[in-house]
Protein backbone atom coordinates (compact mmCIF):
# COMPACT_ATOMS: atom_id res chain seq x y z
CA MET A 1 101.69 -16.13 -29.53
CA GLY A 2 99.20 -15.95 -32.31
CA THR A 3 99.53 -15.02 -35.91
CA PRO A 4 97.66 -12.51 -38.05
CA ASP A 5 95.22 -15.33 -38.87
CA SER A 6 94.88 -16.43 -35.23
CA PRO A 7 95.42 -13.55 -32.81
CA VAL A 8 96.05 -14.18 -29.14
CA ILE A 9 92.88 -14.71 -27.12
CA ARG A 10 93.02 -13.17 -23.66
CA ILE A 11 90.40 -14.26 -21.11
CA ARG A 12 89.88 -12.09 -18.05
CA GLU A 13 87.36 -11.78 -15.25
CA ALA A 14 84.78 -9.11 -15.97
CA SER A 15 83.68 -6.61 -13.36
CA VAL A 16 80.80 -4.17 -13.03
CA ASP A 17 82.96 -1.78 -15.07
CA ASP A 18 82.47 -4.16 -18.03
CA ILE A 19 78.66 -4.26 -17.93
CA GLU A 20 78.20 -1.99 -20.96
CA THR A 21 80.74 -4.04 -22.93
CA ILE A 22 78.84 -7.23 -22.08
CA ARG A 23 75.56 -5.62 -23.10
CA ARG A 24 77.01 -4.42 -26.43
CA LEU A 25 78.47 -7.85 -27.20
CA ALA A 26 75.14 -9.54 -26.38
CA ASP A 27 73.16 -7.10 -28.53
CA ARG A 28 75.46 -7.46 -31.56
CA THR A 29 75.57 -11.25 -31.27
CA TRP A 30 71.87 -11.86 -30.65
CA ARG A 31 70.74 -9.59 -33.51
CA VAL A 32 72.81 -11.62 -36.00
CA CYS A 33 72.55 -15.15 -34.58
CA TYR A 34 68.96 -15.45 -33.35
CA PRO A 35 66.76 -14.26 -36.26
CA GLY A 36 65.24 -17.40 -37.74
CA ILE A 37 65.56 -19.16 -34.38
CA ILE A 38 63.33 -16.82 -32.35
CA THR A 39 61.33 -13.75 -33.38
CA GLU A 40 62.70 -10.20 -33.36
CA SER A 41 60.23 -9.33 -30.61
CA GLN A 42 61.52 -12.23 -28.47
CA ILE A 43 65.10 -11.09 -29.13
CA ASP A 44 64.20 -7.60 -27.90
CA TYR A 45 62.37 -9.02 -24.88
CA MET A 46 65.18 -11.36 -23.86
CA LEU A 47 67.94 -8.77 -24.35
CA GLY A 48 65.99 -6.36 -22.14
CA TRP A 49 65.33 -9.05 -19.55
CA MET A 50 68.66 -10.89 -19.42
CA TYR A 51 71.00 -8.00 -20.13
CA ALA A 52 69.56 -5.11 -18.15
CA ALA A 53 72.51 -3.34 -16.52
CA ASP A 54 71.02 -3.66 -13.03
CA ARG A 55 70.48 -7.39 -13.51
CA ILE A 56 74.09 -8.01 -14.58
CA ARG A 57 75.32 -5.85 -11.68
CA ARG A 58 73.20 -7.88 -9.22
CA GLU A 59 74.44 -11.17 -10.71
CA ILE A 60 78.07 -10.10 -10.32
CA GLU A 61 77.76 -8.46 -6.91
CA SER A 62 75.36 -10.73 -5.05
CA GLU A 63 74.33 -13.82 -7.01
CA ASP A 64 77.75 -15.46 -7.38
CA ILE A 65 77.61 -15.25 -11.19
CA ARG A 66 81.05 -14.77 -12.70
CA TYR A 67 81.52 -13.19 -16.10
CA LEU A 68 84.59 -13.72 -18.25
CA LEU A 69 85.51 -11.50 -21.20
CA ALA A 70 87.44 -12.74 -24.21
CA GLU A 71 89.63 -10.19 -25.95
CA SER A 72 91.17 -10.86 -29.35
CA PRO A 73 92.50 -8.13 -29.15
CA GLU A 74 89.23 -6.18 -28.56
CA PRO A 75 86.31 -7.61 -26.56
CA SER A 76 84.99 -10.42 -28.75
CA GLY A 77 82.94 -12.66 -26.47
CA PHE A 78 81.90 -13.41 -22.92
CA SER A 79 80.58 -16.10 -20.64
CA GLY A 80 78.59 -16.02 -17.42
CA PHE A 81 78.45 -18.95 -15.00
CA GLY A 82 77.58 -19.78 -11.43
CA PRO A 83 76.53 -22.56 -9.09
CA GLY A 84 74.34 -25.25 -10.64
CA GLU A 85 71.29 -26.92 -9.15
CA LYS A 86 73.30 -29.92 -7.95
CA ALA A 87 76.34 -30.05 -5.70
CA GLY A 88 79.56 -30.13 -7.70
CA GLU A 89 77.98 -28.48 -10.72
CA ILE A 90 78.44 -25.17 -12.53
CA PHE A 91 75.66 -23.76 -14.69
CA LEU A 92 76.84 -21.91 -17.79
CA HIS A 93 74.24 -19.14 -18.10
CA LYS A 94 75.73 -17.39 -21.10
CA LEU A 95 78.43 -17.85 -23.72
CA TYR A 96 78.44 -15.60 -26.77
CA VAL A 97 81.05 -14.70 -29.38
CA LEU A 98 80.66 -11.93 -31.95
CA PRO A 99 79.53 -13.43 -35.26
CA GLU A 100 82.61 -12.19 -37.14
CA LYS A 101 84.86 -13.80 -34.50
CA GLN A 102 83.14 -17.20 -34.34
CA ARG A 103 85.06 -20.33 -35.31
CA ALA A 104 88.32 -18.73 -34.23
CA GLY A 105 88.67 -20.56 -30.90
CA ILE A 106 87.20 -17.82 -28.70
CA GLY A 107 84.21 -19.87 -27.52
CA SER A 108 86.47 -22.84 -26.82
CA ALA A 109 88.85 -20.57 -24.89
CA LEU A 110 85.97 -19.28 -22.78
CA LEU A 111 84.83 -22.85 -22.11
CA ALA A 112 88.38 -23.87 -21.21
CA ALA A 113 88.49 -21.04 -18.65
CA VAL A 114 85.23 -22.27 -17.12
CA VAL A 115 86.63 -25.83 -16.98
CA GLU A 116 89.78 -24.48 -15.31
CA HIS A 117 87.61 -22.75 -12.68
CA CYS A 118 85.80 -26.06 -12.12
CA GLU A 119 89.03 -27.99 -11.71
CA GLU A 120 90.37 -25.42 -9.23
CA ASN A 121 87.14 -25.68 -7.20
CA ASP A 122 86.55 -29.46 -7.28
CA ILE A 123 83.51 -29.12 -9.55
CA SER A 124 82.78 -32.20 -11.62
CA ARG A 125 80.12 -31.08 -14.09
CA ILE A 126 79.02 -28.17 -16.25
CA SER A 127 75.44 -27.84 -17.43
CA LEU A 128 73.79 -25.35 -19.76
CA ARG A 129 70.66 -24.69 -21.76
CA VAL A 130 70.72 -24.03 -25.50
CA ASN A 131 67.84 -23.24 -27.83
CA ARG A 132 66.78 -26.45 -29.57
CA ARG A 133 66.92 -24.68 -32.95
CA ASN A 134 70.41 -23.16 -32.43
CA GLU A 135 72.20 -25.87 -34.40
CA SER A 136 75.55 -24.09 -34.66
CA ALA A 137 75.75 -23.59 -30.88
CA ILE A 138 74.72 -27.21 -30.28
CA ARG A 139 77.50 -28.39 -32.62
CA ALA A 140 80.04 -26.15 -30.86
CA TYR A 141 79.06 -27.50 -27.44
CA GLU A 142 79.19 -31.08 -28.70
CA LYS A 143 82.65 -30.40 -30.15
CA ASN A 144 83.66 -29.29 -26.64
CA GLY A 145 82.43 -32.46 -24.95
CA PHE A 146 78.83 -31.58 -24.01
CA GLN A 147 75.97 -34.04 -24.48
CA LYS A 148 72.22 -33.46 -24.62
CA THR A 149 70.72 -34.77 -21.39
CA ASN A 150 67.23 -33.26 -21.23
CA GLU A 151 64.70 -30.97 -22.89
CA VAL A 152 63.08 -28.02 -21.10
CA CYS A 153 60.47 -25.51 -22.22
CA SER A 154 60.02 -22.57 -19.83
CA ASP A 155 57.57 -19.68 -19.92
CA ILE A 156 59.68 -16.53 -19.57
CA GLY A 157 56.85 -14.01 -19.67
CA GLY A 158 55.80 -11.61 -22.37
CA GLY A 159 54.13 -14.48 -24.23
CA PHE A 160 57.51 -16.13 -24.88
CA VAL A 161 59.10 -19.45 -23.99
CA MET A 162 62.63 -20.79 -23.93
CA ASP A 163 62.54 -24.17 -25.72
CA ASP A 164 65.91 -25.67 -24.90
CA PHE A 165 68.08 -28.71 -24.71
CA VAL A 166 69.94 -29.18 -21.44
CA MET A 167 73.52 -30.17 -22.19
CA THR A 168 76.10 -31.37 -19.70
CA LYS A 169 79.79 -32.03 -19.66
CA SER A 170 81.27 -34.37 -17.08
CA LEU A 171 84.74 -33.37 -15.94
CA ASP A 172 85.55 -36.63 -14.16
CA ASP A 173 84.09 -39.93 -12.98
CA ARG A 174 82.19 -38.48 -10.02
CA SER A 175 79.12 -37.17 -11.88
């Protein structure tokens, strides 16, 4: 399905064989989307911290973090999610789409795949953190049914903080 203007988006589970692809997608996305939101030095710090190959491998192999890759037709975005702090909750750790592929439904397709996982596993809520200054991401999450529910500022080392909104999406009446 899909047309030249809207190619087919394929979502698949990522494996340790996809770690370098995930790292490349993160690097390309962060270096375009985060200047003006956080400093270049914080971008470098966070990419090194959050996207070290051994960290992603550990998340996949032993921390119950699942990564999904979106291909349209080449790898264009990814998400990472795992158990939340509360029972019946998934925490969306990461969701990034290449800048040139944004607003083409890829982020929504990744979110839909996470929702499908939740429905299959009787999970009633998705939560995430998003930088308070990342207005385009906040709008995208709101468009997909998320609401701001809290504010959190965390020291992440290196003299940096993550100053975020917590956003949640209820999937049914139980949460």
